[in-house]
Amino acid sequence: MTTETIEEIKIDEKISKEIELPKRYKVLVLNDDHTPMEFVIDILKGVFRHTHETAQQLTLTIHNEGSGIAGIYSYEVAESKMIEATTASRNHGFPLNFKMEQE
């Protein structure tokens, strides 16, 4: 019986894979003159999972600067949270608006 050995095969070309990370999107809360600050705080806590303190600070930023970033997510998550927050606002009779921007 003969034993054959297999020589190692060397590949001259390197195969490189470039992995592209998914794009991230900011969900912005837009200021309006009709939605109470307490409701905005509740939305930030309930939908975007902010603490009470950060929700208060962000609400003041939204009020003073016209908008504020509620969170940064993948496209699908950002869209879902924006729809959830908008639906809750409309169900309570408030015109609070949200906007998505690519980071």
PDB file of N, CA and C in Angstrom:
ATOM      1  N   MET A   1       0.826  -1.162   0.000  1.00  0.00           N
ATOM      2  CA  MET A   1       0.000   0.000   0.000  1.00  0.00           C
ATOM      3  C   MET A   1       0.882   1.241   0.000  1.00  0.00           C
ATOM      4  N   THR A   2       0.535   2.200  -0.832  1.00  0.00           N
ATOM      5  CA  THR A   2       1.344   3.402  -0.908  1.00  0.00           C
ATOM      6  C   THR A   2       0.625   4.563  -0.226  1.00  0.00           C
ATOM      7  N   THR A   3       1.401   5.363   0.388  1.00  0.00           N
ATOM      8  CA  THR A   3       0.847   6.529   1.063  1.00  0.00           C
ATOM      9  C   THR A   3       1.181   7.762   0.251  1.00  0.00           C
ATOM     10  N   GLU A   4       0.140   8.536  -0.089  1.00  0.00           N
ATOM     11  CA  GLU A   4       0.346   9.764  -0.845  1.00  0.00           C
ATOM     12  C   GLU A   4       0.183  10.950   0.096  1.00  0.00           C
ATOM     13  N   THR A   5       0.981  11.928  -0.099  1.00  0.00           N
ATOM     14  CA  THR A   5       0.837  13.143   0.706  1.00  0.00           C
ATOM     15  C   THR A   5       0.321  14.256  -0.187  1.00  0.00           C
ATOM     16  N   ILE A   6      -0.537  15.055   0.381  1.00  0.00           N
ATOM     17  CA  ILE A   6      -1.081  16.193  -0.355  1.00  0.00           C
ATOM     18  C   ILE A   6      -0.320  17.428   0.082  1.00  0.00           C
ATOM     19  N   GLU A   7       0.268  18.073  -0.888  1.00  0.00           N
ATOM     20  CA  GLU A   7       0.988  19.297  -0.578  1.00  0.00           C
ATOM     21  C   GLU A   7      -0.020  20.419  -0.328  1.00  0.00           C
ATOM     22  N   GLU A   8       0.360  21.328   0.554  1.00  0.00           N
ATOM     23  CA  GLU A   8      -0.512  22.468   0.827  1.00  0.00           C
ATOM     24  C   GLU A   8      -0.619  23.347  -0.406  1.00  0.00           C
ATOM     25  N   ILE A   9      -1.798  23.798  -0.639  1.00  0.00           N
ATOM     26  CA  ILE A   9      -2.034  24.687  -1.767  1.00  0.00           C
ATOM     27  C   ILE A   9      -1.991  26.117  -1.249  1.00  0.00           C
ATOM     28  N   LYS A  10      -1.181  26.920  -1.863  1.00  0.00           N
ATOM     29  CA  LYS A  10      -1.061  28.306  -1.459  1.00  0.00           C
ATOM     30  C   LYS A  10      -1.856  29.164  -2.426  1.00  0.00           C
ATOM     31  N   ILE A  11      -2.651  30.033  -1.870  1.00  0.00           N
ATOM     32  CA  ILE A  11      -3.447  30.946  -2.690  1.00  0.00           C
ATOM     33  C   ILE A  11      -2.758  32.298  -2.680  1.00  0.00           C
ATOM     34  N   ASP A  12      -2.448  32.766  -3.866  1.00  0.00           N
ATOM     35  CA  ASP A  12      -1.756  34.044  -3.974  1.00  0.00           C
ATOM     36  C   ASP A  12      -2.707  35.232  -3.771  1.00  0.00           C
ATOM     37  N   GLU A  13      -3.931  35.073  -4.165  1.00  0.00           N
ATOM     38  CA  GLU A  13      -4.883  36.171  -4.052  1.00  0.00           C
ATOM     39  C   GLU A  13      -5.534  36.139  -2.681  1.00  0.00           C
ATOM     40  N   LYS A  14      -5.608  37.300  -2.102  1.00  0.00           N
ATOM     41  CA  LYS A  14      -6.297  37.398  -0.818  1.00  0.00           C
ATOM     42  C   LYS A  14      -7.740  37.815  -1.085  1.00  0.00           C
ATOM     43  N   ILE A  15      -8.616  37.172  -0.432  1.00  0.00           N
ATOM     44  CA  ILE A  15     -10.032  37.526  -0.555  1.00  0.00           C
ATOM     45  C   ILE A  15     -10.357  38.444   0.615  1.00  0.00           C
ATOM     46  N   SER A  16     -10.767  39.639   0.280  1.00  0.00           N
ATOM     47  CA  SER A  16     -11.096  40.571   1.357  1.00  0.00           C
ATOM     48  C   SER A  16     -12.587  40.868   1.325  1.00  0.00           C
ATOM     49  N   LYS A  17     -13.154  40.883   2.487  1.00  0.00           N
ATOM     50  CA  LYS A  17     -14.566  41.190   2.628  1.00  0.00           C
ATOM     51  C   LYS A  17     -14.688  42.509   3.356  1.00  0.00           C
ATOM     52  N   GLU A  18     -15.422  43.385   2.747  1.00  0.00           N
ATOM     53  CA  GLU A  18     -15.688  44.641   3.423  1.00  0.00           C
ATOM     54  C   GLU A  18     -17.106  44.580   3.962  1.00  0.00           C
ATOM     55  N   ILE A  19     -17.214  44.746   5.233  1.00  0.00           N
ATOM     56  CA  ILE A  19     -18.519  44.702   5.872  1.00  0.00           C
ATOM     57  C   ILE A  19     -18.974  46.127   6.121  1.00  0.00           C
ATOM     58  N   GLU A  20     -20.127  46.438   5.585  1.00  0.00           N
ATOM     59  CA  GLU A  20     -20.675  47.773   5.768  1.00  0.00           C
ATOM     60  C   GLU A  20     -21.696  47.731   6.893  1.00  0.00           C
ATOM     61  N   LEU A  21     -21.481  48.551   7.886  1.00  0.00           N
ATOM     62  CA  LEU A  21     -22.416  48.610   8.999  1.00  0.00           C
ATOM     63  C   LEU A  21     -23.703  49.283   8.549  1.00  0.00           C
ATOM     64  N   PRO A  22     -24.827  48.876   9.123  1.00  0.00           N
ATOM     65  CA  PRO A  22     -26.091  49.510   8.740  1.00  0.00           C
ATOM     66  C   PRO A  22     -26.093  50.991   9.121  1.00  0.00           C
ATOM     67  N   LYS A  23     -26.749  51.769   8.298  1.00  0.00           N
ATOM     68  CA  LYS A  23     -26.836  53.199   8.587  1.00  0.00           C
ATOM     69  C   LYS A  23     -27.710  53.415   9.810  1.00  0.00           C
ATOM     70  N   ARG A  24     -27.411  54.488  10.530  1.00  0.00           N
ATOM     71  CA  ARG A  24     -28.149  54.825  11.748  1.00  0.00           C
ATOM     72  C   ARG A  24     -29.002  56.061  11.473  1.00  0.00           C
ATOM     73  N   TYR A  25     -30.130  56.140  12.154  1.00  0.00           N
ATOM     74  CA  TYR A  25     -31.064  57.238  11.956  1.00  0.00           C
ATOM     75  C   TYR A  25     -31.441  57.870  13.284  1.00  0.00           C
ATOM     76  N   LYS A  26     -31.465  59.207  13.280  1.00  0.00           N
ATOM     77  CA  LYS A  26     -31.874  59.961  14.456  1.00  0.00           C
ATOM     78  C   LYS A  26     -33.378  60.173  14.382  1.00  0.00           C
ATOM     79  N   VAL A  27     -34.045  59.985  15.517  1.00  0.00           N
ATOM     80  CA  VAL A  27     -35.458  60.335  15.605  1.00  0.00           C
ATOM     81  C   VAL A  27     -35.522  61.670  16.343  1.00  0.00           C
ATOM     82  N   LEU A  28     -36.013  62.680  15.637  1.00  0.00           N
ATOM     83  CA  LEU A  28     -36.117  64.023  16.203  1.00  0.00           C
ATOM     84  C   LEU A  28     -37.543  64.287  16.650  1.00  0.00           C
ATOM     85  N   VAL A  29     -37.670  64.931  17.794  1.00  0.00           N
ATOM     86  CA  VAL A  29     -38.967  65.391  18.278  1.00  0.00           C
ATOM     87  C   VAL A  29     -39.028  66.879  17.956  1.00  0.00           C
ATOM     88  N   LEU A  30     -40.098  67.287  17.275  1.00  0.00           N
ATOM     89  CA  LEU A  30     -40.241  68.674  16.869  1.00  0.00           C
ATOM     90  C   LEU A  30     -41.145  69.422  17.850  1.00  0.00           C
ATOM     91  N   ASN A  31     -40.778  70.635  18.186  1.00  0.00           N
ATOM     92  CA  ASN A  31     -41.537  71.437  19.137  1.00  0.00           C
ATOM     93  C   ASN A  31     -42.848  71.916  18.508  1.00  0.00           C
ATOM     94  N   ASP A  32     -43.888  71.987  19.332  1.00  0.00           N
ATOM     95  CA  ASP A  32     -45.123  72.644  18.931  1.00  0.00           C
ATOM     96  C   ASP A  32     -45.671  73.384  20.152  1.00  0.00           C
ATOM     97  N   ASP A  33     -46.624  74.258  19.910  1.00  0.00           N
ATOM     98  CA  ASP A  33     -47.153  75.086  21.001  1.00  0.00           C
ATOM     99  C   ASP A  33     -48.388  74.489  21.668  1.00  0.00           C
ATOM    100  N   HIS A  34     -48.770  73.278  21.287  1.00  0.00           N
ATOM    101  CA  HIS A  34     -50.016  72.707  21.792  1.00  0.00           C
ATOM    102  C   HIS A  34     -49.830  71.490  22.694  1.00  0.00           C
ATOM    103  N   THR A  35     -48.761  70.750  22.504  1.00  0.00           N
ATOM    104  CA  THR A  35     -48.542  69.532  23.287  1.00  0.00           C
ATOM    105  C   THR A  35     -47.933  69.882  24.638  1.00  0.00           C
ATOM    106  N   PRO A  36     -48.554  69.442  25.745  1.00  0.00           N
ATOM    107  CA  PRO A  36     -48.006  69.734  27.075  1.00  0.00           C
ATOM    108  C   PRO A  36     -46.654  69.057  27.288  1.00  0.00           C
ATOM    109  N   MET A  37     -45.794  69.700  28.044  1.00  0.00           N
ATOM    110  CA  MET A  37     -44.454  69.167  28.316  1.00  0.00           C
ATOM    111  C   MET A  37     -44.528  67.821  29.024  1.00  0.00           C
ATOM    112  N   GLU A  38     -45.495  67.647  29.901  1.00  0.00           N
ATOM    113  CA  GLU A  38     -45.628  66.372  30.624  1.00  0.00           C
ATOM    114  C   GLU A  38     -45.897  65.216  29.664  1.00  0.00           C
ATOM    115  N   PHE A  39     -46.678  65.484  28.614  1.00  0.00           N
ATOM    116  CA  PHE A  39     -46.948  64.436  27.631  1.00  0.00           C
ATOM    117  C   PHE A  39     -45.683  64.091  26.857  1.00  0.00           C
ATOM    118  N   VAL A  40     -44.897  65.097  26.491  1.00  0.00           N
ATOM    119  CA  VAL A  40     -43.639  64.859  25.785  1.00  0.00           C
ATOM    120  C   VAL A  40     -42.713  64.018  26.666  1.00  0.00           C
ATOM    121  N   ILE A  41     -42.649  64.334  27.937  1.00  0.00           N
ATOM    122  CA  ILE A  41     -41.835  63.562  28.884  1.00  0.00           C
ATOM    123  C   ILE A  41     -42.317  62.112  28.925  1.00  0.00           C
ATOM    124  N   ASP A  42     -43.635  61.924  28.965  1.00  0.00           N
ATOM    125  CA  ASP A  42     -44.193  60.561  28.993  1.00  0.00           C
ATOM    126  C   ASP A  42     -43.838  59.780  27.726  1.00  0.00           C
ATOM    127  N   ILE A  43     -43.889  60.444  26.567  1.00  0.00           N
ATOM    128  CA  ILE A  43     -43.523  59.790  25.306  1.00  0.00           C
ATOM    129  C   ILE A  43     -42.040  59.403  25.324  1.00  0.00           C
ATOM    130  N   LEU A  44     -41.200  60.327  25.776  1.00  0.00           N
ATOM    131  CA  LEU A  44     -39.755  60.047  25.815  1.00  0.00           C
ATOM    132  C   LEU A  44     -39.435  58.893  26.758  1.00  0.00           C
ATOM    133  N   LYS A  45     -40.162  58.811  27.858  1.00  0.00           N
ATOM    134  CA  LYS A  45     -39.939  57.711  28.805  1.00  0.00           C
ATOM    135  C   LYS A  45     -40.527  56.402  28.285  1.00  0.00           C
ATOM    136  N   GLY A  46     -41.741  56.459  27.768  1.00  0.00           N
ATOM    137  CA  GLY A  46     -42.439  55.239  27.368  1.00  0.00           C
ATOM    138  C   GLY A  46     -41.945  54.631  26.070  1.00  0.00           C
ATOM    139  N   VAL A  47     -41.790  55.446  25.051  1.00  0.00           N
ATOM    140  CA  VAL A  47     -41.427  54.932  23.729  1.00  0.00           C
ATOM    141  C   VAL A  47     -39.914  54.851  23.556  1.00  0.00           C
ATOM    142  N   PHE A  48     -39.208  55.899  24.001  1.00  0.00           N
ATOM    143  CA  PHE A  48     -37.775  55.979  23.746  1.00  0.00           C
ATOM    144  C   PHE A  48     -36.918  55.555  24.941  1.00  0.00           C
ATOM    145  N   ARG A  49     -37.566  55.145  26.032  1.00  0.00           N
ATOM    146  CA  ARG A  49     -36.895  54.568  27.215  1.00  0.00           C
ATOM    147  C   ARG A  49     -35.889  55.500  27.900  1.00  0.00           C
ATOM    148  N   HIS A  50     -36.217  56.784  27.954  1.00  0.00           N
ATOM    149  CA  HIS A  50     -35.384  57.726  28.702  1.00  0.00           C
ATOM    150  C   HIS A  50     -35.749  57.661  30.182  1.00  0.00           C
ATOM    151  N   THR A  51     -34.811  58.043  31.034  1.00  0.00           N
ATOM    152  CA  THR A  51     -35.133  58.193  32.452  1.00  0.00           C
ATOM    153  C   THR A  51     -35.933  59.482  32.600  1.00  0.00           C
ATOM    154  N   HIS A  52     -36.542  59.667  33.759  1.00  0.00           N
ATOM    155  CA  HIS A  52     -37.333  60.871  33.981  1.00  0.00           C
ATOM    156  C   HIS A  52     -36.462  62.122  33.845  1.00  0.00           C
ATOM    157  N   GLU A  53     -35.257  62.065  34.372  1.00  0.00           N
ATOM    158  CA  GLU A  53     -34.363  63.232  34.342  1.00  0.00           C
ATOM    159  C   GLU A  53     -33.934  63.573  32.917  1.00  0.00           C
ATOM    160  N   THR A  54     -33.529  62.565  32.142  1.00  0.00           N
ATOM    161  CA  THR A  54     -33.099  62.858  30.769  1.00  0.00           C
ATOM    162  C   THR A  54     -34.282  63.292  29.910  1.00  0.00           C
ATOM    163  N   ALA A  55     -35.465  62.741  30.175  1.00  0.00           N
ATOM    164  CA  ALA A  55     -36.664  63.143  29.437  1.00  0.00           C
ATOM    165  C   ALA A  55     -36.994  64.611  29.716  1.00  0.00           C
ATOM    166  N   GLN A  56     -36.850  65.040  30.971  1.00  0.00           N
ATOM    167  CA  GLN A  56     -37.100  66.449  31.317  1.00  0.00           C
ATOM    168  C   GLN A  56     -36.096  67.358  30.611  1.00  0.00           C
ATOM    169  N   GLN A  57     -34.828  66.992  30.654  1.00  0.00           N
ATOM    170  CA  GLN A  57     -33.796  67.808  30.015  1.00  0.00           C
ATOM    171  C   GLN A  57     -34.015  67.887  28.503  1.00  0.00           C
ATOM    172  N   LEU A  58     -34.349  66.769  27.891  1.00  0.00           N
ATOM    173  CA  LEU A  58     -34.580  66.744  26.455  1.00  0.00           C
ATOM    174  C   LEU A  58     -35.822  67.555  26.085  1.00  0.00           C
ATOM    175  N   THR A  59     -36.849  67.491  26.903  1.00  0.00           N
ATOM    176  CA  THR A  59     -38.060  68.275  26.659  1.00  0.00           C
ATOM    177  C   THR A  59     -37.758  69.769  26.683  1.00  0.00           C
ATOM    178  N   LEU A  60     -36.926  70.203  27.608  1.00  0.00           N
ATOM    179  CA  LEU A  60     -36.530  71.612  27.648  1.00  0.00           C
ATOM    180  C   LEU A  60     -35.710  71.984  26.415  1.00  0.00           C
ATOM    181  N   THR A  61     -34.844  71.087  25.966  1.00  0.00           N
ATOM    182  CA  THR A  61     -34.065  71.328  24.747  1.00  0.00           C
ATOM    183  C   THR A  61     -35.005  71.464  23.548  1.00  0.00           C
ATOM    184  N   ILE A  62     -35.984  70.579  23.451  1.00  0.00           N
ATOM    185  CA  ILE A  62     -36.952  70.627  22.355  1.00  0.00           C
ATOM    186  C   ILE A  62     -37.709  71.953  22.393  1.00  0.00           C
ATOM    187  N   HIS A  63     -38.142  72.353  23.576  1.00  0.00           N
ATOM    188  CA  HIS A  63     -38.895  73.593  23.736  1.00  0.00           C
ATOM    189  C   HIS A  63     -38.055  74.817  23.368  1.00  0.00           C
ATOM    190  N   ASN A  64     -36.808  74.844  23.816  1.00  0.00           N
ATOM    191  CA  ASN A  64     -35.957  76.016  23.601  1.00  0.00           C
ATOM    192  C   ASN A  64     -35.321  76.079  22.214  1.00  0.00           C
ATOM    193  N   GLU A  65     -34.973  74.928  21.655  1.00  0.00           N
ATOM    194  CA  GLU A  65     -34.238  74.907  20.385  1.00  0.00           C
ATOM    195  C   GLU A  65     -35.089  74.495  19.183  1.00  0.00           C
ATOM    196  N   GLY A  66     -36.303  74.051  19.425  1.00  0.00           N
ATOM    197  CA  GLY A  66     -37.191  73.683  18.323  1.00  0.00           C
ATOM    198  C   GLY A  66     -37.226  72.205  17.994  1.00  0.00           C
ATOM    199  N   SER A  67     -36.207  71.465  18.406  1.00  0.00           N
ATOM    200  CA  SER A  67     -36.192  70.015  18.202  1.00  0.00           C
ATOM    201  C   SER A  67     -35.126  69.393  19.083  1.00  0.00           C
ATOM    202  N   GLY A  68     -35.205  68.086  19.245  1.00  0.00           N
ATOM    203  CA  GLY A  68     -34.217  67.353  20.031  1.00  0.00           C
ATOM    204  C   GLY A  68     -34.186  65.907  19.584  1.00  0.00           C
ATOM    205  N   ILE A  69     -33.054  65.256  19.782  1.00  0.00           N
ATOM    206  CA  ILE A  69     -32.878  63.867  19.363  1.00  0.00           C
ATOM    207  C   ILE A  69     -33.395  62.938  20.464  1.00  0.00           C
ATOM    208  N   ALA A  70     -34.439  62.183  20.128  1.00  0.00           N
ATOM    209  CA  ALA A  70     -35.010  61.231  21.081  1.00  0.00           C
ATOM    210  C   ALA A  70     -34.176  59.953  21.143  1.00  0.00           C
ATOM    211  N   GLY A  71     -33.540  59.601  20.028  1.00  0.00           N
ATOM    212  CA  GLY A  71     -32.714  58.399  20.003  1.00  0.00           C
ATOM    213  C   GLY A  71     -32.119  58.185  18.621  1.00  0.00           C
ATOM    214  N   ILE A  72     -31.149  57.284  18.557  1.00  0.00           N
ATOM    215  CA  ILE A  72     -30.487  56.941  17.297  1.00  0.00           C
ATOM    216  C   ILE A  72     -30.565  55.422  17.147  1.00  0.00           C
ATOM    217  N   TYR A  73     -31.126  54.982  16.011  1.00  0.00           N
ATOM    218  CA  TYR A  73     -31.426  53.569  15.822  1.00  0.00           C
ATOM    219  C   TYR A  73     -31.167  53.163  14.373  1.00  0.00           C
ATOM    220  N   SER A  74     -31.311  51.857  14.117  1.00  0.00           N
ATOM    221  CA  SER A  74     -31.334  51.385  12.738  1.00  0.00           C
ATOM    222  C   SER A  74     -32.619  51.917  12.096  1.00  0.00           C
ATOM    223  N   TYR A  75     -32.703  51.861  10.777  1.00  0.00           N
ATOM    224  CA  TYR A  75     -33.850  52.432  10.072  1.00  0.00           C
ATOM    225  C   TYR A  75     -35.175  51.842  10.569  1.00  0.00           C
ATOM    226  N   GLU A  76     -35.225  50.535  10.676  1.00  0.00           N
ATOM    227  CA  GLU A  76     -36.474  49.863  11.033  1.00  0.00           C
ATOM    228  C   GLU A  76     -36.917  50.230  12.446  1.00  0.00           C
ATOM    229  N   VAL A  77     -35.982  50.259  13.373  1.00  0.00           N
ATOM    230  CA  VAL A  77     -36.317  50.591  14.759  1.00  0.00           C
ATOM    231  C   VAL A  77     -36.727  52.055  14.863  1.00  0.00           C
ATOM    232  N   ALA A  78     -35.998  52.939  14.184  1.00  0.00           N
ATOM    233  CA  ALA A  78     -36.326  54.367  14.206  1.00  0.00           C
ATOM    234  C   ALA A  78     -37.725  54.599  13.646  1.00  0.00           C
ATOM    235  N   GLU A  79     -38.029  53.961  12.544  1.00  0.00           N
ATOM    236  CA  GLU A  79     -39.346  54.113  11.930  1.00  0.00           C
ATOM    237  C   GLU A  79     -40.446  53.596  12.849  1.00  0.00           C
ATOM    238  N   SER A  80     -40.212  52.456  13.466  1.00  0.00           N
ATOM    239  CA  SER A  80     -41.195  51.861  14.376  1.00  0.00           C
ATOM    240  C   SER A  80     -41.466  52.763  15.579  1.00  0.00           C
ATOM    241  N   LYS A  81     -40.397  53.287  16.183  1.00  0.00           N
ATOM    242  CA  LYS A  81     -40.562  54.157  17.347  1.00  0.00           C
ATOM    243  C   LYS A  81     -41.244  55.465  16.966  1.00  0.00           C
ATOM    244  N   MET A  82     -40.926  55.986  15.791  1.00  0.00           N
ATOM    245  CA  MET A  82     -41.551  57.220  15.333  1.00  0.00           C
ATOM    246  C   MET A  82     -43.050  57.012  15.112  1.00  0.00           C
ATOM    247  N   ILE A  83     -43.420  55.903  14.513  1.00  0.00           N
ATOM    248  CA  ILE A  83     -44.834  55.593  14.288  1.00  0.00           C
ATOM    249  C   ILE A  83     -45.556  55.395  15.612  1.00  0.00           C
ATOM    250  N   GLU A  84     -44.924  54.677  16.539  1.00  0.00           N
ATOM    251  CA  GLU A  84     -45.536  54.440  17.851  1.00  0.00           C
ATOM    252  C   GLU A  84     -45.774  55.750  18.591  1.00  0.00           C
ATOM    253  N   ALA A  85     -44.784  56.635  18.572  1.00  0.00           N
ATOM    254  CA  ALA A  85     -44.906  57.919  19.272  1.00  0.00           C
ATOM    255  C   ALA A  85     -45.945  58.818  18.603  1.00  0.00           C
ATOM    256  N   THR A  86     -45.967  58.838  17.284  1.00  0.00           N
ATOM    257  CA  THR A  86     -46.944  59.655  16.555  1.00  0.00           C
ATOM    258  C   THR A  86     -48.361  59.150  16.804  1.00  0.00           C
ATOM    259  N   THR A  87     -48.537  57.845  16.789  1.00  0.00           N
ATOM    260  CA  THR A  87     -49.857  57.257  17.047  1.00  0.00           C
ATOM    261  C   THR A  87     -50.339  57.599  18.456  1.00  0.00           C
ATOM    262  N   ALA A  88     -49.457  57.476  19.441  1.00  0.00           N
ATOM    263  CA  ALA A  88     -49.829  57.819  20.821  1.00  0.00           C
ATOM    264  C   ALA A  88     -50.212  59.297  20.923  1.00  0.00           C
ATOM    265  N   SER A  89     -49.474  60.147  20.244  1.00  0.00           N
ATOM    266  CA  SER A  89     -49.768  61.585  20.268  1.00  0.00           C
ATOM    267  C   SER A  89     -51.141  61.870  19.674  1.00  0.00           C
ATOM    268  N   ARG A  90     -51.419  61.278  18.522  1.00  0.00           N
ATOM    269  CA  ARG A  90     -52.713  61.514  17.869  1.00  0.00           C
ATOM    270  C   ARG A  90     -53.861  60.939  18.700  1.00  0.00           C
ATOM    271  N   ASN A  91     -53.636  59.775  19.314  1.00  0.00           N
ATOM    272  CA  ASN A  91     -54.682  59.164  20.143  1.00  0.00           C
ATOM    273  C   ASN A  91     -55.036  60.029  21.350  1.00  0.00           C
ATOM    274  N   HIS A  92     -54.087  60.853  21.796  1.00  0.00           N
ATOM    275  CA  HIS A  92     -54.337  61.760  22.917  1.00  0.00           C
ATOM    276  C   HIS A  92     -54.728  63.162  22.441  1.00  0.00           C
ATOM    277  N   GLY A  93     -54.831  63.334  21.133  1.00  0.00           N
ATOM    278  CA  GLY A  93     -55.278  64.606  20.571  1.00  0.00           C
ATOM    279  C   GLY A  93     -54.206  65.682  20.468  1.00  0.00           C
ATOM    280  N   PHE A  94     -52.930  65.265  20.430  1.00  0.00           N
ATOM    281  CA  PHE A  94     -51.840  66.241  20.349  1.00  0.00           C
ATOM    282  C   PHE A  94     -51.171  66.184  18.978  1.00  0.00           C
ATOM    283  N   PRO A  95     -50.697  67.338  18.475  1.00  0.00           N
ATOM    284  CA  PRO A  95     -50.066  67.387  17.153  1.00  0.00           C
ATOM    285  C   PRO A  95     -48.544  67.174  17.172  1.00  0.00           C
ATOM    286  N   LEU A  96     -48.021  66.527  18.194  1.00  0.00           N
ATOM    287  CA  LEU A  96     -46.579  66.326  18.316  1.00  0.00           C
ATOM    288  C   LEU A  96     -46.049  65.581  17.098  1.00  0.00           C
ATOM    289  N   ASN A  97     -44.992  66.120  16.481  1.00  0.00           N
ATOM    290  CA  ASN A  97     -44.424  65.529  15.270  1.00  0.00           C
ATOM    291  C   ASN A  97     -43.018  65.022  15.506  1.00  0.00           C
ATOM    292  N   PHE A  98     -42.647  64.042  14.696  1.00  0.00           N
ATOM    293  CA  PHE A  98     -41.332  63.425  14.756  1.00  0.00           C
ATOM    294  C   PHE A  98     -40.765  63.378  13.346  1.00  0.00           C
ATOM    295  N   LYS A  99     -39.446  63.308  13.269  1.00  0.00           N
ATOM    296  CA  LYS A  99     -38.770  63.291  11.975  1.00  0.00           C
ATOM    297  C   LYS A  99     -37.544  62.382  12.087  1.00  0.00           C
ATOM    298  N   MET A 100     -37.254  61.673  10.989  1.00  0.00           N
ATOM    299  CA  MET A 100     -36.067  60.829  10.937  1.00  0.00           C
ATOM    300  C   MET A 100     -35.016  61.488  10.064  1.00  0.00           C
ATOM    301  N   GLU A 101     -33.767  61.434  10.514  1.00  0.00           N
ATOM    302  CA  GLU A 101     -32.638  61.931   9.718  1.00  0.00           C
ATOM    303  C   GLU A 101     -31.521  60.917   9.791  1.00  0.00           C
ATOM    304  N   GLN A 102     -30.881  60.692   8.656  1.00  0.00           N
ATOM    305  CA  GLN A 102     -29.735  59.787   8.654  1.00  0.00           C
ATOM    306  C   GLN A 102     -28.592  60.431   9.415  1.00  0.00           C
ATOM    307  N   GLU A 103     -27.928  59.633  10.241  1.00  0.00           N
ATOM    308  CA  GLU A 103     -26.826  60.150  11.065  1.00  0.00           C
ATOM    309  C   GLU A 103     -25.612  60.436  10.229  1.00  0.00           C
TER     310      GLU A 103
END
